[in-house]
């Protein structure tokens, strides 16, 4: 694993370990690499008032945007499930907002990455604002 991919994996693993998942016990950590090369991590945070929690990918994107970045170059999502989980539909759309169709999305668990997809493989025909007719807006 390359040094930059290892850093992305390590950030996602640390985030996964810090998940707040007292209801499902399903821990997820995500890390995104911004265009600057910086890595931003997030974890799932459950809430007793289900479904008011948020996903790890959403948390990582929020950290990136808060830091002033708007472009995702690479993603890593780790979970405690078997097989490791891919991002949910909502998170796929959130990732697509900031990632290109060829952005790699690595999926794995605590021990490593098990599969990599491109963003357009995870979310073909993603919704984009430019898809809308200007008169509809």
Protein backbone atom coordinates (compact mmCIF):
# COMPACT_ATOMS: atom_id res chain seq x y z
CA UNK A 1 0.00 0.00 0.00
CA UNK A 2 1.39 3.42 -0.93
CA UNK A 3 2.27 5.85 1.86
CA UNK A 4 -0.57 8.21 0.91
CA UNK A 5 -3.11 5.35 0.78
CA UNK A 6 -1.80 4.06 4.13
CA UNK A 7 -2.38 7.50 5.67
CA UNK A 8 -5.94 7.52 4.31
CA UNK A 9 -6.53 4.01 5.68
CA UNK A 10 -5.06 4.90 9.09
CA UNK A 11 -7.28 7.99 9.37
CA UNK A 12 -10.39 5.96 8.49
CA UNK A 13 -9.44 3.20 10.95
CA UNK A 14 -8.92 5.67 13.80
CA UNK A 15 -12.24 7.32 12.99
CA UNK A 16 -13.96 3.90 12.95
CA UNK A 17 -12.56 3.10 16.38
CA UNK A 18 -14.05 6.38 17.68
CA UNK A 19 -17.55 5.77 16.31
CA UNK A 20 -20.53 6.51 18.52
CA UNK A 21 -22.60 3.41 17.74
CA UNK A 22 -24.30 2.37 21.02
CA UNK A 23 -27.46 1.18 19.23
CA UNK A 24 -26.29 -0.71 16.16
CA UNK A 25 -22.72 -1.49 17.29
CA UNK A 26 -21.85 -1.01 13.60
CA UNK A 27 -18.76 1.18 13.51
CA UNK A 28 -17.81 3.04 10.34
CA UNK A 29 -14.87 5.33 9.64
CA UNK A 30 -14.27 7.34 6.49
CA UNK A 31 -11.42 9.44 5.23
CA UNK A 32 -11.27 11.66 2.17
CA UNK A 33 -8.22 13.19 0.57
CA UNK A 34 -8.77 16.74 -0.61
CA UNK A 35 -7.12 18.33 -3.62
CA UNK A 36 -4.49 19.81 -1.29
CA UNK A 37 -3.43 16.31 -0.23
CA UNK A 38 -4.78 16.77 3.28
CA UNK A 39 -6.81 13.92 4.76
CA UNK A 40 -10.11 14.51 6.55
CA UNK A 41 -11.74 11.80 8.64
CA UNK A 42 -15.21 11.22 9.97
CA UNK A 43 -17.11 8.57 11.89
CA UNK A 44 -20.72 7.52 12.26
CA UNK A 45 -22.53 9.17 15.15
CA UNK A 46 -25.78 7.50 16.19
CA UNK A 47 -28.55 9.22 18.12
CA UNK A 48 -31.28 7.78 20.33
CA UNK A 49 -33.73 9.63 18.10
CA UNK A 50 -33.12 7.40 15.10
CA UNK A 51 -32.51 8.37 12.25
CA UNK A 52 -31.05 11.64 13.51
CA UNK A 53 -27.46 10.40 13.50
CA UNK A 54 -25.02 10.88 10.65
CA UNK A 55 -22.79 8.71 8.50
CA UNK A 56 -18.99 8.59 8.57
CA UNK A 57 -18.71 9.79 4.97
CA UNK A 58 -20.91 12.79 5.74
CA UNK A 59 -18.73 13.63 8.74
CA UNK A 60 -15.53 13.41 6.66
CA UNK A 61 -16.99 15.60 3.91
CA UNK A 62 -18.10 18.16 6.52
CA UNK A 63 -14.57 18.28 7.97
CA UNK A 64 -13.12 18.84 4.48
CA UNK A 65 -15.58 21.60 3.60
CA UNK A 66 -15.09 23.23 7.01
CA UNK A 67 -11.36 23.37 6.26
CA UNK A 68 -12.10 25.19 2.99
CA UNK A 69 -11.69 22.39 0.46
CA UNK A 70 -14.28 21.41 -2.14
CA UNK A 71 -12.67 18.54 -4.10
CA UNK A 72 -12.28 14.88 -3.10
CA UNK A 73 -9.40 13.03 -4.76
CA UNK A 74 -9.65 9.68 -2.93
CA UNK A 75 -11.94 7.99 -0.39
CA UNK A 76 -11.53 5.18 2.15
CA UNK A 77 -14.50 3.70 4.05
CA UNK A 78 -13.94 1.07 6.73
CA UNK A 79 -16.55 -0.81 8.73
CA UNK A 80 -16.82 -3.60 11.25
CA UNK A 81 -19.30 -5.52 9.08
CA UNK A 82 -18.61 -8.62 7.02
CA UNK A 83 -18.36 -8.14 4.18
CA UNK A 84 -17.26 -4.51 4.60
CA UNK A 85 -20.00 -2.05 3.72
CA UNK A 86 -20.04 0.32 0.80
CA UNK A 87 -21.39 3.86 1.31
CA UNK A 88 -25.19 4.14 1.54
CA UNK A 89 -27.08 5.79 -1.31
CA UNK A 90 -27.21 9.19 0.37
CA UNK A 91 -23.48 9.14 1.04
CA UNK A 92 -22.75 8.08 -2.53
CA UNK A 93 -24.58 11.19 -3.72
CA UNK A 94 -22.77 13.36 -1.14
CA UNK A 95 -19.41 11.98 -2.26
CA UNK A 96 -20.34 12.56 -5.92
CA UNK A 97 -20.97 16.24 -5.11
CA UNK A 98 -17.23 16.69 -4.44
CA UNK A 99 -15.59 13.77 -6.32
CA UNK A 100 -15.10 13.06 -9.99
CA UNK A 101 -16.44 9.94 -11.72
CA UNK A 102 -12.97 8.34 -11.65
CA UNK A 103 -12.28 9.07 -7.95
CA UNK A 104 -11.18 5.84 -6.22
CA UNK A 105 -13.34 4.66 -3.31
CA UNK A 106 -11.59 2.03 -1.18
CA UNK A 107 -13.70 -0.25 1.03
CA UNK A 108 -12.41 -2.40 3.84
CA UNK A 109 -12.28 -3.29 7.48
CA UNK A 110 -9.90 -2.90 10.40
CA UNK A 111 -7.26 -5.14 8.77
CA UNK A 112 -7.17 -3.58 5.32
CA UNK A 113 -8.76 -2.51 2.08
CA UNK A 114 -10.59 -5.32 0.30
CA UNK A 115 -11.94 -3.64 -2.84
CA UNK A 116 -11.69 -0.39 -4.76
CA UNK A 117 -14.35 1.09 -7.01
CA UNK A 118 -14.47 4.28 -9.05
CA UNK A 119 -17.14 6.76 -7.99
CA UNK A 120 -19.06 6.24 -11.23
CA UNK A 121 -19.21 2.49 -10.54
CA UNK A 122 -20.73 3.08 -7.11
CA UNK A 123 -23.17 5.73 -8.35
CA UNK A 124 -23.82 5.52 -12.09
CA UNK A 125 -25.91 8.40 -13.46
CA UNK A 126 -25.38 10.51 -10.33
CA UNK A 127 -27.66 13.52 -10.00
CA UNK A 128 -25.92 16.82 -10.78
CA UNK A 129 -27.30 20.34 -10.84
CA UNK A 130 -26.12 20.80 -14.44
CA UNK A 131 -28.51 17.96 -15.35
CA UNK A 132 -31.47 20.26 -14.72
CA UNK A 133 -32.98 22.50 -17.37
CA UNK A 134 -32.38 26.13 -16.36
CA UNK A 135 -36.10 26.84 -16.72
CA UNK A 136 -36.82 24.17 -14.05
CA UNK A 137 -34.71 26.07 -11.54
